């Protein structure tokens, strides 16, 4: 559970770093890059420990899968709340297919 919490915090920072500047398109690109890198530093402060701690319990592929699902959930909230962009049916269908991949990766075959 500690791994998931750290990945969640990491992905919040990552999403802000990667997409937060989209509301400020009139700002110079170099400012967006510097701001994004500054925010991404905190992403790494949570991501690296999450992977280090999580690798005792999960494989690298499972860690990546957990991260991707968390990323999609965080991004959906960010997109709707911050960017004011709706989720279309095909986005949700695609996300559900990715979640189906989780079943294949975590199922003991």
C-alpha atoms as a PDB file:
ATOM      1  CA  UNK A   1       0.000   0.000   0.000  1.00  0.00           C
ATOM      2  CA  UNK A   2       2.938   2.336   0.664  1.00  0.00           C
ATOM      3  CA  UNK A   3       4.073   1.820  -2.929  1.00  0.00           C
ATOM      4  CA  UNK A   4       0.665   2.737  -4.336  1.00  0.00           C
ATOM      5  CA  UNK A   5       0.491   5.862  -2.154  1.00  0.00           C
ATOM      6  CA  UNK A   6       3.956   6.997  -3.252  1.00  0.00           C
ATOM      7  CA  UNK A   7       3.087   6.316  -6.896  1.00  0.00           C
ATOM      8  CA  UNK A   8      -0.115   8.313  -6.516  1.00  0.00           C
ATOM      9  CA  UNK A   9       1.751  11.341  -5.137  1.00  0.00           C
ATOM     10  CA  UNK A  10       4.416  10.952  -7.817  1.00  0.00           C
ATOM     11  CA  UNK A  11       1.829  10.874 -10.580  1.00  0.00           C
ATOM     12  CA  UNK A  12       0.085  13.983  -9.286  1.00  0.00           C
ATOM     13  CA  UNK A  13       3.375  15.867  -9.596  1.00  0.00           C
ATOM     14  CA  UNK A  14       4.078  14.249 -12.971  1.00  0.00           C
ATOM     15  CA  UNK A  15       0.705  15.219 -14.397  1.00  0.00           C
ATOM     16  CA  UNK A  16       1.081  18.805 -13.222  1.00  0.00           C
ATOM     17  CA  UNK A  17       4.611  18.957 -14.652  1.00  0.00           C
ATOM     18  CA  UNK A  18       3.648  17.478 -18.009  1.00  0.00           C
ATOM     19  CA  UNK A  19       0.263  19.067 -18.593  1.00  0.00           C
ATOM     20  CA  UNK A  20      -0.142  22.006 -16.195  1.00  0.00           C
ATOM     21  CA  UNK A  21       1.501  24.446 -18.591  1.00  0.00           C
ATOM     22  CA  UNK A  22      -1.176  23.828 -21.224  1.00  0.00           C
ATOM     23  CA  UNK A  23      -3.347  26.494 -19.580  1.00  0.00           C
ATOM     24  CA  UNK A  24      -0.528  29.008 -20.065  1.00  0.00           C
ATOM     25  CA  UNK A  25       0.164  28.728 -23.781  1.00  0.00           C
ATOM     26  CA  UNK A  26       1.060  32.403 -23.999  1.00  0.00           C
ATOM     27  CA  UNK A  27       4.036  31.933 -21.659  1.00  0.00           C
ATOM     28  CA  UNK A  28       7.400  31.354 -23.332  1.00  0.00           C
ATOM     29  CA  UNK A  29       8.279  27.704 -23.864  1.00  0.00           C
ATOM     30  CA  UNK A  30      11.506  27.978 -21.870  1.00  0.00           C
ATOM     31  CA  UNK A  31       9.501  29.041 -18.788  1.00  0.00           C
ATOM     32  CA  UNK A  32       7.197  26.046 -19.232  1.00  0.00           C
ATOM     33  CA  UNK A  33      10.217  23.760 -19.478  1.00  0.00           C
ATOM     34  CA  UNK A  34      11.891  25.175 -16.375  1.00  0.00           C
ATOM     35  CA  UNK A  35       8.648  25.065 -14.398  1.00  0.00           C
ATOM     36  CA  UNK A  36       7.967  21.499 -15.526  1.00  0.00           C
ATOM     37  CA  UNK A  37      11.470  20.348 -14.598  1.00  0.00           C
ATOM     38  CA  UNK A  38      11.151  21.992 -11.202  1.00  0.00           C
ATOM     39  CA  UNK A  39       7.886  20.189 -10.528  1.00  0.00           C
ATOM     40  CA  UNK A  40       9.223  16.913 -11.952  1.00  0.00           C
ATOM     41  CA  UNK A  41      11.974  16.915  -9.328  1.00  0.00           C
ATOM     42  CA  UNK A  42       9.304  16.204  -6.716  1.00  0.00           C
ATOM     43  CA  UNK A  43       7.846  13.491  -8.930  1.00  0.00           C
ATOM     44  CA  UNK A  44      11.195  11.680  -8.804  1.00  0.00           C
ATOM     45  CA  UNK A  45      11.414  12.150  -5.030  1.00  0.00           C
ATOM     46  CA  UNK A  46       8.343   9.930  -4.752  1.00  0.00           C
ATOM     47  CA  UNK A  47       8.735   7.719  -7.844  1.00  0.00           C
ATOM     48  CA  UNK A  48      12.191   6.369  -7.050  1.00  0.00           C
ATOM     49  CA  UNK A  49      11.325   5.281  -3.473  1.00  0.00           C
ATOM     50  CA  UNK A  50       8.025   3.828  -4.694  1.00  0.00           C
ATOM     51  CA  UNK A  51       9.812   1.623  -7.204  1.00  0.00           C
ATOM     52  CA  UNK A  52      12.586   0.701  -4.777  1.00  0.00           C
ATOM     53  CA  UNK A  53      10.122  -0.270  -2.030  1.00  0.00           C
ATOM     54  CA  UNK A  54       7.645  -1.838  -4.434  1.00  0.00           C
ATOM     55  CA  UNK A  55      10.185  -4.064  -6.139  1.00  0.00           C
ATOM     56  CA  UNK A  56      10.352  -6.214  -3.010  1.00  0.00           C
ATOM     57  CA  UNK A  57       6.713  -7.151  -3.582  1.00  0.00           C
ATOM     58  CA  UNK A  58       6.102  -6.623  -7.306  1.00  0.00           C
ATOM     59  CA  UNK A  59       7.979  -7.314 -10.511  1.00  0.00           C
ATOM     60  CA  UNK A  60       9.121  -4.345 -12.589  1.00  0.00           C
ATOM     61  CA  UNK A  61       6.339  -5.041 -15.099  1.00  0.00           C
ATOM     62  CA  UNK A  62       3.758  -5.067 -12.313  1.00  0.00           C
ATOM     63  CA  UNK A  63       5.119  -1.799 -10.899  1.00  0.00           C
ATOM     64  CA  UNK A  64       4.890  -0.188 -14.324  1.00  0.00           C
ATOM     65  CA  UNK A  65       1.336  -1.449 -14.733  1.00  0.00           C
ATOM     66  CA  UNK A  66       0.305  -0.045 -11.355  1.00  0.00           C
ATOM     67  CA  UNK A  67       1.884   3.255 -12.303  1.00  0.00           C
ATOM     68  CA  UNK A  68       0.055   3.409 -15.632  1.00  0.00           C
ATOM     69  CA  UNK A  69      -3.343   2.779 -14.050  1.00  0.00           C
ATOM     70  CA  UNK A  70      -2.670   5.426 -11.403  1.00  0.00           C
ATOM     71  CA  UNK A  71      -1.499   7.786 -14.151  1.00  0.00           C
ATOM     72  CA  UNK A  72      -4.736   7.312 -16.067  1.00  0.00           C
ATOM     73  CA  UNK A  73      -6.891   7.915 -12.996  1.00  0.00           C
ATOM     74  CA  UNK A  74      -4.939  11.032 -11.991  1.00  0.00           C
ATOM     75  CA  UNK A  75      -4.963  12.292 -15.581  1.00  0.00           C
ATOM     76  CA  UNK A  76      -8.728  11.849 -15.905  1.00  0.00           C
ATOM     77  CA  UNK A  77      -9.342  13.978 -12.819  1.00  0.00           C
ATOM     78  CA  UNK A  78      -6.753  16.550 -13.914  1.00  0.00           C
ATOM     79  CA  UNK A  79      -8.162  16.757 -17.430  1.00  0.00           C
ATOM     80  CA  UNK A  80     -11.727  17.279 -16.258  1.00  0.00           C
ATOM     81  CA  UNK A  81     -11.083  19.518 -13.233  1.00  0.00           C
ATOM     82  CA  UNK A  82      -8.052  21.590 -14.271  1.00  0.00           C
ATOM     83  CA  UNK A  83      -8.060  21.592 -18.065  1.00  0.00           C
ATOM     84  CA  UNK A  84     -11.877  21.539 -18.300  1.00  0.00           C
ATOM     85  CA  UNK A  85     -11.776  18.839 -20.967  1.00  0.00           C
ATOM     86  CA  UNK A  86     -14.437  16.168 -20.988  1.00  0.00           C
ATOM     87  CA  UNK A  87     -13.831  12.453 -21.151  1.00  0.00           C
ATOM     88  CA  UNK A  88     -15.205  11.058 -24.380  1.00  0.00           C
ATOM     89  CA  UNK A  89     -16.573   7.543 -24.627  1.00  0.00           C
ATOM     90  CA  UNK A  90     -13.630   6.339 -26.716  1.00  0.00           C
ATOM     91  CA  UNK A  91     -11.145   7.606 -24.105  1.00  0.00           C
ATOM     92  CA  UNK A  92     -12.953   5.652 -21.422  1.00  0.00           C
ATOM     93  CA  UNK A  93     -13.131   2.559 -23.661  1.00  0.00           C
ATOM     94  CA  UNK A  94      -9.383   2.771 -24.282  1.00  0.00           C
ATOM     95  CA  UNK A  95      -8.661   3.200 -20.573  1.00  0.00           C
ATOM     96  CA  UNK A  96     -10.811   0.165 -19.806  1.00  0.00           C
ATOM     97  CA  UNK A  97      -8.746  -1.880 -22.258  1.00  0.00           C
ATOM     98  CA  UNK A  98      -5.602  -0.813 -20.439  1.00  0.00           C
ATOM     99  CA  UNK A  99      -7.179  -1.853 -17.149  1.00  0.00           C
ATOM    100  CA  UNK A 100      -7.991  -5.205 -18.759  1.00  0.00           C
ATOM    101  CA  UNK A 101      -4.253  -5.544 -19.383  1.00  0.00           C
ATOM    102  CA  UNK A 102      -3.794  -5.318 -15.617  1.00  0.00           C
ATOM    103  CA  UNK A 103      -5.774  -8.521 -15.257  1.00  0.00           C
ATOM    104  CA  UNK A 104      -3.436 -10.325 -17.644  1.00  0.00           C
ATOM    105  CA  UNK A 105      -0.310  -8.986 -15.949  1.00  0.00           C
ATOM    106  CA  UNK A 106      -1.343  -9.734 -12.365  1.00  0.00           C
ATOM    107  CA  UNK A 107      -3.146 -13.044 -12.924  1.00  0.00           C
ATOM    108  CA  UNK A 108      -1.160 -16.088 -11.855  1.00  0.00           C
ATOM    109  CA  UNK A 109      -1.071 -18.264 -14.967  1.00  0.00           C
END
